[in-house]
Amino acid sequence: MKGILKNVRRIALMACVMTTATTALAQQAQAQEPVMTKAKGTYVINTTTLCNTRGFKGETPLKVTIKKNKVVSVEALSNQETPRFFDRLLKEMFPKYENVSFADADKVDVVTGATRSSKAVKDNVKAAVEYYQKNK
């Protein structure tokens, strides 16, 4: 029985190491993308290296699309947030960032039950807007 427990522990440890390595590689790939790209008056800001606010389980980088001084859309990049809670943000919070002024983007409400993740999303959007304003 002890031998089986040791093997289970080893497998669990290996799975944890592999998950961490995969996440690190995904974040490294995201970080290698340029912070801001521009095409036909539309700017896309990748917040992977701009904002280090953590959600419940880690950083929550975004791609924030800006056009004519408005947030057009927000897209989640790879993160470690609990899918059950983060999916609520995708459904309830992210749509509120569609075609919204910078001032109104700052007023988007957090999602109850996913407060840390919501705050991280808000901080990432704010970082993207600030970066855009300084570098457009």
Protein backbone atom coordinates (compact mmCIF):
# COMPACT_ATOMS: atom_id res chain seq x y z
CA MET A 1 0.00 0.00 0.00
CA LYS A 2 2.86 2.40 0.85
CA GLY A 3 4.38 1.76 -2.57
CA ILE A 4 1.12 2.68 -4.28
CA LEU A 5 0.88 5.91 -2.27
CA LYS A 6 4.44 6.84 -3.23
CA ASN A 7 3.64 6.29 -6.91
CA VAL A 8 0.44 8.34 -6.65
CA ARG A 9 2.40 11.16 -5.01
CA ARG A 10 5.07 11.00 -7.71
CA ILE A 11 2.46 11.11 -10.46
CA ALA A 12 0.70 14.04 -8.78
CA LEU A 13 4.00 15.89 -8.43
CA MET A 14 4.89 15.23 -12.07
CA ALA A 15 1.47 16.48 -13.19
CA CYS A 16 1.93 19.64 -11.13
CA VAL A 17 5.40 20.26 -12.59
CA MET A 18 4.11 19.70 -16.14
CA THR A 19 1.18 22.06 -15.60
CA THR A 20 3.48 24.74 -14.21
CA ALA A 21 5.91 24.32 -17.11
CA THR A 22 3.11 24.49 -19.69
CA THR A 23 1.73 27.65 -18.09
CA ALA A 24 5.17 29.23 -18.00
CA LEU A 25 5.71 28.48 -21.70
CA ALA A 26 2.32 29.93 -22.63
CA GLN A 27 3.01 33.09 -20.64
CA GLN A 28 6.46 33.38 -22.17
CA ALA A 29 4.95 33.15 -25.65
CA GLN A 30 2.39 35.84 -24.75
CA ALA A 31 5.12 38.04 -23.30
CA GLN A 32 7.08 37.83 -26.56
CA GLU A 33 4.20 39.40 -28.46
CA PRO A 34 4.55 43.16 -28.83
CA VAL A 35 2.79 45.17 -26.13
CA MET A 36 0.91 47.25 -28.71
CA THR A 37 0.08 46.67 -32.35
CA LYS A 38 -1.72 49.05 -34.70
CA ALA A 39 -3.69 48.34 -37.86
CA LYS A 40 -6.10 50.72 -39.61
CA GLY A 41 -6.62 52.94 -36.57
CA THR A 42 -7.19 50.03 -34.22
CA TYR A 43 -4.74 49.35 -31.40
CA VAL A 44 -4.40 46.02 -29.61
CA ILE A 45 -2.63 46.08 -26.26
CA ASN A 46 -1.31 42.87 -24.70
CA THR A 47 -1.15 43.37 -20.92
CA THR A 48 1.03 40.32 -20.19
CA THR A 49 4.02 42.52 -19.32
CA LEU A 50 2.11 45.69 -18.37
CA CYS A 51 0.15 44.60 -15.35
CA ASN A 52 1.03 42.16 -12.62
CA THR A 53 -2.19 42.36 -10.63
CA ARG A 54 -3.11 38.84 -9.59
CA GLY A 55 -6.54 37.32 -9.72
CA PHE A 56 -7.44 34.51 -7.35
CA LYS A 57 -4.89 32.06 -8.77
CA GLY A 58 -2.45 34.24 -10.66
CA GLU A 59 -1.98 36.89 -13.30
CA THR A 60 -4.86 37.49 -15.72
CA PRO A 61 -3.40 39.03 -18.88
CA LEU A 62 -5.69 40.45 -21.53
CA LYS A 63 -5.75 41.72 -25.08
CA VAL A 64 -7.52 45.06 -25.06
CA THR A 65 -8.64 46.48 -28.41
CA ILE A 66 -8.93 50.27 -28.63
CA LYS A 67 -10.24 52.41 -31.48
CA LYS A 68 -11.08 56.12 -31.54
CA ASN A 69 -10.32 56.49 -27.83
CA LYS A 70 -12.76 53.75 -26.82
CA VAL A 71 -12.28 50.24 -25.54
CA VAL A 72 -13.75 48.13 -28.33
CA SER A 73 -13.25 44.71 -26.75
CA VAL A 74 -11.40 42.75 -24.10
CA GLU A 75 -10.11 39.21 -24.66
CA ALA A 76 -8.71 36.92 -21.97
CA LEU A 77 -5.30 35.39 -22.53
CA SER A 78 -4.04 32.20 -20.93
CA ASN A 79 -4.41 32.30 -17.14
CA GLN A 80 -4.77 30.05 -14.12
CA GLU A 81 -8.11 31.33 -12.82
CA THR A 82 -10.74 28.78 -11.88
CA PRO A 83 -12.75 28.27 -15.10
CA ARG A 84 -16.09 28.13 -13.28
CA PHE A 85 -15.57 31.63 -11.89
CA PHE A 86 -13.66 33.13 -14.80
CA ASP A 87 -16.39 32.03 -17.20
CA ARG A 88 -18.75 34.26 -15.23
CA LEU A 89 -16.48 37.22 -15.95
CA LEU A 90 -16.44 36.32 -19.64
CA LYS A 91 -20.25 36.31 -19.70
CA GLU A 92 -21.07 39.11 -17.25
CA MET A 93 -18.11 41.51 -17.24
CA PHE A 94 -16.31 41.33 -20.59
CA PRO A 95 -19.35 42.38 -22.67
CA LYS A 96 -19.53 45.60 -20.64
CA TYR A 97 -16.20 46.60 -22.19
CA GLU A 98 -17.57 46.59 -25.74
CA ASN A 99 -17.44 50.08 -27.30
CA VAL A 100 -17.09 51.88 -23.98
CA SER A 101 -15.35 55.19 -23.28
CA PHE A 102 -12.22 55.16 -21.17
CA ALA A 103 -14.08 56.87 -18.32
CA ASP A 104 -16.89 54.30 -18.41
CA ALA A 105 -14.44 51.41 -18.68
CA ASP A 106 -13.17 52.36 -15.26
CA LYS A 107 -16.72 52.10 -13.89
CA VAL A 108 -17.43 48.50 -14.92
CA ASP A 109 -18.65 46.58 -11.88
CA VAL A 110 -16.90 43.52 -10.50
CA VAL A 111 -18.64 40.14 -10.55
CA THR A 112 -19.82 38.93 -7.15
CA GLY A 113 -18.08 35.70 -6.22
CA ALA A 114 -15.13 36.46 -8.49
CA THR A 115 -13.94 39.68 -6.92
CA ARG A 116 -10.18 39.14 -7.17
CA SER A 117 -10.37 38.04 -10.80
CA SER A 118 -12.67 40.98 -11.59
CA LYS A 119 -10.25 43.43 -9.98
CA ALA A 120 -7.39 41.93 -11.96
CA VAL A 121 -9.36 42.38 -15.20
CA LYS A 122 -10.17 45.99 -14.30
CA ASP A 123 -6.51 46.70 -13.48
CA ASN A 124 -5.40 45.15 -16.79
CA VAL A 125 -7.87 47.24 -18.77
CA LYS A 126 -6.73 50.35 -16.92
CA ALA A 127 -3.07 49.51 -17.62
CA ALA A 128 -3.87 49.01 -21.32
CA VAL A 129 -5.68 52.35 -21.55
CA GLU A 130 -2.84 54.16 -19.80
CA TYR A 131 -0.27 52.52 -22.08
CA TYR A 132 -2.30 53.47 -25.15
CA GLN A 133 -2.62 57.09 -24.02
CA LYS A 134 1.13 57.39 -23.46
CA ASN A 135 2.23 55.55 -26.60
CA LYS A 136 -0.33 56.09 -29.37
